[in-house]
Amino acid sequence: MSRVSKENYYLDIAQTVAERSTCLRKMYGAIIVKDDVIVSTGYNGAPRGRKNCNDLMSCMRDKLNIPRGERYELCRSVHAEANAIIAASRERMLGSTVYMVCIDAKTRELVSGTSSCMMCKRQIINAGIEKVVVRDTKDEFRVINVSDWIDDDDSLSGVFGY
């Protein structure tokens, strides 16, 4: 019997965290890991105390037919990466890795090719996180060096993610 890889082990946990998401579009889960210890977890959902989209059974961005990557100011959610960063101390994040998974809220299937939005990229950079590992399929993932986001500053090109 072969062991699951360390990356897929953490991605499996991030995928379970995504199941707590309250978004009607995409369910994201993120965990921050350093020195083989889970530092924090996060999923996308409304700020504490506010009603979630799944409680309201309504998504403003869906109602307005807003495409992926646009008009986040209309979204009720705090993103998974941001929630994981909020829950962690900076010293534990320095040199850490974020593991991230996206699930389609309607089909419950993995969404490949996902990436952090520009705001989350900025927060990941400032938190001192070193790598982002993103699940594309049950066994396949991408490893992104955060230093590449610094070198290839997409805020200058107008290219948006998430």
Protein backbone atom coordinates (compact mmCIF):
# COMPACT_ATOMS: atom_id res chain seq x y z
CA MET A 1 0.00 0.00 0.00
CA SER A 2 1.46 3.36 -0.99
CA ARG A 3 1.22 6.45 1.17
CA VAL A 4 -0.46 9.61 -0.05
CA SER A 5 2.09 12.33 -0.81
CA LYS A 6 2.57 15.06 1.78
CA GLU A 7 1.15 17.62 -0.67
CA ASN A 8 -2.00 15.60 -1.30
CA TYR A 9 -2.36 14.91 2.42
CA TYR A 10 -2.54 18.66 3.10
CA LEU A 11 -4.68 19.27 0.00
CA ASP A 12 -7.13 16.64 1.28
CA ILE A 13 -7.40 18.60 4.52
CA ALA A 14 -7.87 21.87 2.61
CA GLN A 15 -10.60 20.18 0.57
CA THR A 16 -12.40 19.19 3.77
CA VAL A 17 -12.06 22.79 5.01
CA ALA A 18 -13.68 23.96 1.74
CA GLU A 19 -16.80 22.00 2.70
CA ARG A 20 -17.42 24.69 5.38
CA SER A 21 -17.68 27.39 2.70
CA THR A 22 -20.96 29.30 2.51
CA CYS A 23 -20.54 30.54 -1.07
CA LEU A 24 -23.13 29.58 -3.69
CA ARG A 25 -20.58 29.77 -6.55
CA LYS A 26 -17.22 28.35 -5.51
CA MET A 27 -16.14 26.72 -2.26
CA TYR A 28 -12.52 27.39 -1.31
CA GLY A 29 -10.48 25.87 1.47
CA ALA A 30 -6.99 26.94 2.50
CA ILE A 31 -4.58 25.76 5.15
CA ILE A 32 -1.25 27.27 6.14
CA VAL A 33 1.47 24.76 7.03
CA LYS A 34 4.93 25.38 8.44
CA ASP A 35 7.47 22.79 9.58
CA ASP A 36 4.90 20.04 8.95
CA VAL A 37 2.42 21.65 11.37
CA ILE A 38 -0.93 23.14 10.39
CA VAL A 39 -0.82 26.78 11.46
CA SER A 40 -4.36 27.79 10.48
CA THR A 41 -7.28 27.06 8.19
CA GLY A 42 -9.74 29.22 6.27
CA TYR A 43 -12.71 28.95 3.96
CA ASN A 44 -14.69 31.57 2.07
CA GLY A 45 -17.74 32.98 3.79
CA ALA A 46 -19.32 36.18 5.10
CA PRO A 47 -17.61 38.03 7.95
CA ARG A 48 -18.50 36.80 11.43
CA GLY A 49 -21.97 37.86 12.47
CA ARG A 50 -23.19 38.65 8.96
CA LYS A 51 -25.59 36.41 7.06
CA ASN A 52 -23.97 34.00 4.61
CA CYS A 53 -25.04 33.66 1.00
CA ASN A 54 -26.20 30.09 1.61
CA ASP A 55 -28.44 31.40 4.42
CA LEU A 56 -29.81 34.13 2.17
CA MET A 57 -30.03 31.71 -0.79
CA SER A 58 -28.78 34.57 -2.91
CA CYS A 59 -25.55 35.72 -4.56
CA MET A 60 -25.40 39.33 -5.72
CA ARG A 61 -22.67 38.56 -8.26
CA ASP A 62 -24.80 35.73 -9.73
CA LYS A 63 -27.89 37.96 -9.84
CA LEU A 64 -25.92 40.59 -11.77
CA ASN A 65 -24.19 38.00 -14.03
CA ILE A 66 -20.75 39.20 -12.93
CA PRO A 67 -17.95 37.03 -14.34
CA ARG A 68 -15.22 35.39 -12.30
CA GLY A 69 -12.50 37.78 -11.20
CA GLU A 70 -14.60 40.96 -11.31
CA ARG A 71 -16.44 43.21 -8.84
CA TYR A 72 -15.39 41.51 -5.62
CA GLU A 73 -16.65 44.50 -3.67
CA LEU A 74 -20.17 43.09 -4.30
CA CYS A 75 -19.27 39.72 -2.76
CA ARG A 76 -20.21 39.05 0.87
CA SER A 77 -17.31 36.63 1.41
CA VAL A 78 -13.90 36.90 2.96
CA HIS A 79 -11.66 34.64 0.84
CA ALA A 80 -10.24 31.39 2.22
CA GLU A 81 -6.62 32.53 2.04
CA ALA A 82 -7.48 35.78 3.84
CA ASN A 83 -9.34 33.90 6.58
CA ALA A 84 -6.38 31.55 7.07
CA ILE A 85 -4.00 34.53 7.28
CA ILE A 86 -6.28 36.34 9.76
CA ALA A 87 -6.24 33.25 12.01
CA ALA A 88 -2.43 32.89 12.05
CA SER A 89 0.41 34.73 13.73
CA ARG A 90 2.93 36.35 11.40
CA GLU A 91 5.93 34.51 12.86
CA ARG A 92 4.27 31.15 12.10
CA MET A 93 3.52 32.24 8.51
CA LEU A 94 7.06 33.33 7.61
CA GLY A 95 8.39 30.71 5.18
CA SER A 96 5.17 28.68 5.29
CA THR A 97 3.07 27.08 2.54
CA VAL A 98 -0.62 27.64 1.74
CA TYR A 99 -2.52 24.62 0.39
CA MET A 100 -5.65 25.61 -1.52
CA VAL A 101 -8.60 23.73 -3.06
CA CYS A 102 -11.62 24.97 -5.00
CA ILE A 103 -14.90 23.06 -5.37
CA ASP A 104 -17.80 24.07 -7.61
CA ALA A 105 -20.68 24.75 -5.19
CA LYS A 106 -23.32 23.41 -7.57
CA THR A 107 -21.65 20.24 -8.89
CA ARG A 108 -19.33 19.59 -5.92
CA GLU A 109 -16.52 18.82 -8.40
CA LEU A 110 -12.94 20.04 -8.07
CA VAL A 111 -12.20 23.17 -10.06
CA SER A 112 -8.82 23.06 -11.78
CA GLY A 113 -6.74 26.05 -12.77
CA THR A 114 -7.81 28.20 -9.83
CA SER A 115 -5.55 30.85 -8.37
CA SER A 116 -5.59 33.50 -5.68
CA CYS A 117 -7.13 36.87 -6.52
CA MET A 118 -4.94 39.96 -6.58
CA MET A 119 -5.98 41.01 -3.06
CA CYS A 120 -5.18 37.56 -1.63
CA LYS A 121 -1.86 37.50 -3.49
CA ARG A 122 -0.95 40.78 -1.77
CA GLN A 123 -1.90 39.38 1.62
CA ILE A 124 0.06 36.16 1.00
CA ILE A 125 3.11 38.20 -0.01
CA ASN A 126 2.86 40.46 3.05
CA ALA A 127 2.32 37.50 5.39
CA GLY A 128 5.72 36.12 4.39
CA ILE A 129 4.28 32.91 2.96
CA GLU A 130 6.79 31.16 0.67
CA LYS A 131 4.71 28.78 -1.49
CA VAL A 132 1.14 28.18 -2.61
CA VAL A 133 0.08 24.64 -3.57
CA VAL A 134 -3.15 24.47 -5.58
CA ARG A 135 -5.06 21.25 -6.28
CA ASP A 136 -6.14 20.73 -9.91
CA THR A 137 -7.32 17.11 -9.68
CA LYS A 138 -7.48 14.52 -6.91
CA ASP A 139 -3.79 13.71 -7.46
CA GLU A 140 -2.40 16.68 -9.43
CA PHE A 141 -1.41 20.06 -8.07
CA ARG A 142 0.66 23.11 -8.90
CA VAL A 143 3.35 24.65 -6.70
CA ILE A 144 3.67 28.42 -6.98
CA ASN A 145 6.65 30.25 -5.51
CA VAL A 146 5.34 33.48 -4.01
CA SER A 147 8.58 35.18 -5.10
CA ASP A 148 7.28 34.76 -8.69
CA TRP A 149 4.27 36.93 -7.78
CA ILE A 150 6.68 39.60 -6.59
CA ASP A 151 8.83 39.38 -9.73
CA ASP A 152 5.84 39.13 -12.12
CA ASP A 153 3.71 41.93 -10.66
CA ASP A 154 0.29 41.27 -12.25
CA SER A 155 -1.09 44.43 -10.62
CA LEU A 156 0.76 46.29 -13.37
CA SER A 157 -0.82 44.29 -16.21
CA GLY A 158 -4.50 44.25 -15.25
CA VAL A 159 -4.69 40.42 -15.17
CA PHE A 160 -7.08 39.20 -12.46
CA GLY A 161 -7.55 35.78 -10.83
CA TYR A 162 -9.83 33.74 -8.52
